[in-house]
PDB file of N, CA and C in Angstrom:
ATOM      1  N   MET A   1       6.618  -8.553  33.411  1.00  0.00           N
ATOM      2  CA  MET A   1       6.396  -9.815  34.072  1.00  0.00           C
ATOM      3  C   MET A   1       7.507 -10.033  35.095  1.00  0.00           C
ATOM      4  N   ALA A   2       7.163 -10.598  36.223  1.00  0.00           N
ATOM      5  CA  ALA A   2       8.141 -10.807  37.292  1.00  0.00           C
ATOM      6  C   ALA A   2       9.060 -11.984  36.947  1.00  0.00           C
ATOM      7  N   ASP A   3      10.279 -11.875  37.435  1.00  0.00           N
ATOM      8  CA  ASP A   3      11.252 -12.942  37.222  1.00  0.00           C
ATOM      9  C   ASP A   3      11.189 -13.911  38.399  1.00  0.00           C
ATOM     10  N   HIS A   4      10.694 -15.098  38.143  1.00  0.00           N
ATOM     11  CA  HIS A   4      10.559 -16.097  39.193  1.00  0.00           C
ATOM     12  C   HIS A   4      11.551 -17.235  39.003  1.00  0.00           C
ATOM     13  N   SER A   5      12.703 -16.931  38.449  1.00  0.00           N
ATOM     14  CA  SER A   5      13.683 -17.968  38.168  1.00  0.00           C
ATOM     15  C   SER A   5      14.283 -18.560  39.446  1.00  0.00           C
ATOM     16  N   HIS A   6      14.149 -17.843  40.571  1.00  0.00           N
ATOM     17  CA  HIS A   6      14.693 -18.357  41.822  1.00  0.00           C
ATOM     18  C   HIS A   6      13.795 -19.403  42.466  1.00  0.00           C
ATOM     19  N   GLU A   7      12.558 -19.536  41.962  1.00  0.00           N
ATOM     20  CA  GLU A   7      11.636 -20.510  42.531  1.00  0.00           C
ATOM     21  C   GLU A   7      12.005 -21.914  42.069  1.00  0.00           C
ATOM     22  N   PRO A   8      11.723 -22.920  42.917  1.00  0.00           N
ATOM     23  CA  PRO A   8      12.026 -24.299  42.514  1.00  0.00           C
ATOM     24  C   PRO A   8      11.145 -24.748  41.355  1.00  0.00           C
ATOM     25  N   ASP A   9      11.516 -25.838  40.767  1.00  0.00           N
ATOM     26  CA  ASP A   9      10.770 -26.414  39.650  1.00  0.00           C
ATOM     27  C   ASP A   9       9.338 -26.726  40.108  1.00  0.00           C
ATOM     28  N   PRO A  10       8.315 -26.127  39.485  1.00  0.00           N
ATOM     29  CA  PRO A  10       6.940 -26.360  39.932  1.00  0.00           C
ATOM     30  C   PRO A  10       6.507 -27.820  39.775  1.00  0.00           C
ATOM     31  N   ASP A  11       7.120 -28.556  38.862  1.00  0.00           N
ATOM     32  CA  ASP A  11       6.763 -29.965  38.700  1.00  0.00           C
ATOM     33  C   ASP A  11       7.293 -30.810  39.854  1.00  0.00           C
ATOM     34  N   ALA A  12       8.252 -30.301  40.600  1.00  0.00           N
ATOM     35  CA  ALA A  12       8.838 -31.039  41.711  1.00  0.00           C
ATOM     36  C   ALA A  12       8.088 -30.788  43.015  1.00  0.00           C
ATOM     37  N   ARG A  13       7.179 -29.830  43.014  1.00  0.00           N
ATOM     38  CA  ARG A  13       6.443 -29.508  44.238  1.00  0.00           C
ATOM     39  C   ARG A  13       5.438 -30.606  44.561  1.00  0.00           C
ATOM     40  N   VAL A  14       5.175 -30.788  45.841  1.00  0.00           N
ATOM     41  CA  VAL A  14       4.153 -31.728  46.285  1.00  0.00           C
ATOM     42  C   VAL A  14       3.133 -30.926  47.075  1.00  0.00           C
ATOM     43  N   THR A  15       1.891 -30.959  46.626  1.00  0.00           N
ATOM     44  CA  THR A  15       0.839 -30.234  47.320  1.00  0.00           C
ATOM     45  C   THR A  15      -0.054 -31.222  48.056  1.00  0.00           C
ATOM     46  N   ALA A  16      -0.847 -30.716  48.955  1.00  0.00           N
ATOM     47  CA  ALA A  16      -1.651 -31.556  49.837  1.00  0.00           C
ATOM     48  C   ALA A  16      -2.500 -32.593  49.088  1.00  0.00           C
ATOM     49  N   PRO A  17      -3.225 -32.241  48.043  1.00  0.00           N
ATOM     50  CA  PRO A  17      -4.047 -33.257  47.384  1.00  0.00           C
ATOM     51  C   PRO A  17      -3.235 -34.399  46.762  1.00  0.00           C
ATOM     52  N   MET A  18      -1.940 -34.187  46.573  1.00  0.00           N
ATOM     53  CA  MET A  18      -1.125 -35.219  45.945  1.00  0.00           C
ATOM     54  C   MET A  18      -0.488 -36.157  46.962  1.00  0.00           C
ATOM     55  N   GLN A  19      -0.488 -35.768  48.233  1.00  0.00           N
ATOM     56  CA  GLN A  19       0.160 -36.585  49.239  1.00  0.00           C
ATOM     57  C   GLN A  19      -0.739 -37.755  49.638  1.00  0.00           C
ATOM     58  N   GLU A  20      -0.095 -38.871  49.932  1.00  0.00           N
ATOM     59  CA  GLU A  20      -0.851 -40.036  50.368  1.00  0.00           C
ATOM     60  C   GLU A  20      -1.297 -39.847  51.811  1.00  0.00           C
ATOM     61  N   PHE A  21      -2.376 -40.522  52.193  1.00  0.00           N
ATOM     62  CA  PHE A  21      -2.834 -40.489  53.563  1.00  0.00           C
ATOM     63  C   PHE A  21      -3.230 -41.908  53.952  1.00  0.00           C
ATOM     64  N   GLY A  22      -3.151 -42.175  55.233  1.00  0.00           N
ATOM     65  CA  GLY A  22      -3.388 -43.530  55.707  1.00  0.00           C
ATOM     66  C   GLY A  22      -4.712 -43.684  56.420  1.00  0.00           C
ATOM     67  N   THR A  23      -4.892 -44.857  56.976  1.00  0.00           N
ATOM     68  CA  THR A  23      -6.125 -45.189  57.679  1.00  0.00           C
ATOM     69  C   THR A  23      -6.327 -44.295  58.895  1.00  0.00           C
ATOM     70  N   ARG A  24      -5.238 -43.910  59.551  1.00  0.00           N
ATOM     71  CA  ARG A  24      -5.337 -43.046  60.732  1.00  0.00           C
ATOM     72  C   ARG A  24      -5.964 -41.712  60.366  1.00  0.00           C
ATOM     73  N   GLU A  25      -5.518 -41.114  59.277  1.00  0.00           N
ATOM     74  CA  GLU A  25      -6.071 -39.826  58.853  1.00  0.00           C
ATOM     75  C   GLU A  25      -7.540 -39.954  58.463  1.00  0.00           C
ATOM     76  N   VAL A  26      -7.893 -41.067  57.824  1.00  0.00           N
ATOM     77  CA  VAL A  26      -9.291 -41.294  57.449  1.00  0.00           C
ATOM     78  C   VAL A  26     -10.157 -41.416  58.698  1.00  0.00           C
ATOM     79  N   ALA A  27      -9.658 -42.141  59.702  1.00  0.00           N
ATOM     80  CA  ALA A  27     -10.413 -42.313  60.943  1.00  0.00           C
ATOM     81  C   ALA A  27     -10.587 -40.981  61.666  1.00  0.00           C
ATOM     82  N   ILE A  28      -9.561 -40.163  61.693  1.00  0.00           N
ATOM     83  CA  ILE A  28      -9.662 -38.845  62.343  1.00  0.00           C
ATOM     84  C   ILE A  28     -10.678 -37.977  61.602  1.00  0.00           C
ATOM     85  N   GLY A  29     -10.625 -37.987  60.282  1.00  0.00           N
ATOM     86  CA  GLY A  29     -11.589 -37.213  59.495  1.00  0.00           C
ATOM     87  C   GLY A  29     -13.013 -37.672  59.718  1.00  0.00           C
ATOM     88  N   ALA A  30     -13.214 -38.989  59.794  1.00  0.00           N
ATOM     89  CA  ALA A  30     -14.553 -39.528  60.035  1.00  0.00           C
ATOM     90  C   ALA A  30     -15.054 -39.140  61.426  1.00  0.00           C
ATOM     91  N   ALA A  31     -14.167 -39.179  62.418  1.00  0.00           N
ATOM     92  CA  ALA A  31     -14.554 -38.806  63.776  1.00  0.00           C
ATOM     93  C   ALA A  31     -14.926 -37.328  63.856  1.00  0.00           C
ATOM     94  N   VAL A  32     -14.146 -36.483  63.213  1.00  0.00           N
ATOM     95  CA  VAL A  32     -14.442 -35.044  63.206  1.00  0.00           C
ATOM     96  C   VAL A  32     -15.766 -34.774  62.500  1.00  0.00           C
ATOM     97  N   THR A  33     -16.008 -35.468  61.403  1.00  0.00           N
ATOM     98  CA  THR A  33     -17.266 -35.309  60.676  1.00  0.00           C
ATOM     99  C   THR A  33     -18.448 -35.759  61.532  1.00  0.00           C
ATOM    100  N   LEU A  34     -18.294 -36.891  62.200  1.00  0.00           N
ATOM    101  CA  LEU A  34     -19.374 -37.402  63.053  1.00  0.00           C
ATOM    102  C   LEU A  34     -19.689 -36.429  64.190  1.00  0.00           C
ATOM    103  N   ILE A  35     -18.673 -35.902  64.835  1.00  0.00           N
ATOM    104  CA  ILE A  35     -18.884 -34.927  65.918  1.00  0.00           C
ATOM    105  C   ILE A  35     -19.566 -33.670  65.371  1.00  0.00           C
ATOM    106  N   GLY A  36     -19.157 -33.223  64.193  1.00  0.00           N
ATOM    107  CA  GLY A  36     -19.771 -32.053  63.585  1.00  0.00           C
ATOM    108  C   GLY A  36     -21.238 -32.269  63.266  1.00  0.00           C
ATOM    109  N   VAL A  37     -21.564 -33.438  62.734  1.00  0.00           N
ATOM    110  CA  VAL A  37     -22.961 -33.759  62.419  1.00  0.00           C
ATOM    111  C   VAL A  37     -23.784 -33.839  63.699  1.00  0.00           C
ATOM    112  N   LEU A  38     -23.220 -34.454  64.729  1.00  0.00           N
ATOM    113  CA  LEU A  38     -23.939 -34.529  66.005  1.00  0.00           C
ATOM    114  C   LEU A  38     -24.220 -33.146  66.569  1.00  0.00           C
ATOM    115  N   LEU A  39     -23.222 -32.277  66.527  1.00  0.00           N
ATOM    116  CA  LEU A  39     -23.407 -30.927  67.068  1.00  0.00           C
ATOM    117  C   LEU A  39     -24.343 -30.084  66.210  1.00  0.00           C
ATOM    118  N   ALA A  40     -24.301 -30.261  64.906  1.00  0.00           N
ATOM    119  CA  ALA A  40     -25.086 -29.402  64.009  1.00  0.00           C
ATOM    120  C   ALA A  40     -26.529 -29.856  63.848  1.00  0.00           C
ATOM    121  N   TYR A  41     -26.777 -31.164  63.924  1.00  0.00           N
ATOM    122  CA  TYR A  41     -28.124 -31.662  63.626  1.00  0.00           C
ATOM    123  C   TYR A  41     -28.787 -32.382  64.794  1.00  0.00           C
ATOM    124  N   VAL A  42     -28.064 -33.276  65.438  1.00  0.00           N
ATOM    125  CA  VAL A  42     -28.687 -34.097  66.480  1.00  0.00           C
ATOM    126  C   VAL A  42     -28.943 -33.288  67.750  1.00  0.00           C
ATOM    127  N   LEU A  43     -27.962 -32.548  68.210  1.00  0.00           N
ATOM    128  CA  LEU A  43     -28.132 -31.766  69.438  1.00  0.00           C
ATOM    129  C   LEU A  43     -29.280 -30.758  69.324  1.00  0.00           C
ATOM    130  N   PRO A  44     -29.356 -29.977  68.259  1.00  0.00           N
ATOM    131  CA  PRO A  44     -30.510 -29.057  68.147  1.00  0.00           C
ATOM    132  C   PRO A  44     -31.854 -29.793  68.087  1.00  0.00           C
ATOM    133  N   ALA A  45     -31.888 -30.964  67.453  1.00  0.00           N
ATOM    134  CA  ALA A  45     -33.139 -31.723  67.373  1.00  0.00           C
ATOM    135  C   ALA A  45     -33.566 -32.201  68.758  1.00  0.00           C
ATOM    136  N   LEU A  46     -32.585 -32.532  69.600  1.00  0.00           N
ATOM    137  CA  LEU A  46     -32.917 -32.979  70.960  1.00  0.00           C
ATOM    138  C   LEU A  46     -33.396 -31.837  71.844  1.00  0.00           C
ATOM    139  N   LEU A  47     -32.977 -30.623  71.532  1.00  0.00           N
ATOM    140  CA  LEU A  47     -33.343 -29.467  72.350  1.00  0.00           C
ATOM    141  C   LEU A  47     -34.706 -28.880  71.998  1.00  0.00           C
ATOM    142  N   VAL A  48     -35.284 -29.342  70.898  1.00  0.00           N
ATOM    143  CA  VAL A  48     -36.580 -28.805  70.467  1.00  0.00           C
ATOM    144  C   VAL A  48     -37.707 -29.475  71.194  1.00  0.00           C
TER     145      VAL A  48
END
């Protein structure tokens, strides 16, 4: 087994799902989702 004693305490790590996010990040995610839906579904429907 490898010796990982040089690594920091795993309980002290902060990973992405644990970090807080604000209204700005939610708005950006919603905008990206809306643009993706428009490009994937609405645009092809208009071209048919």
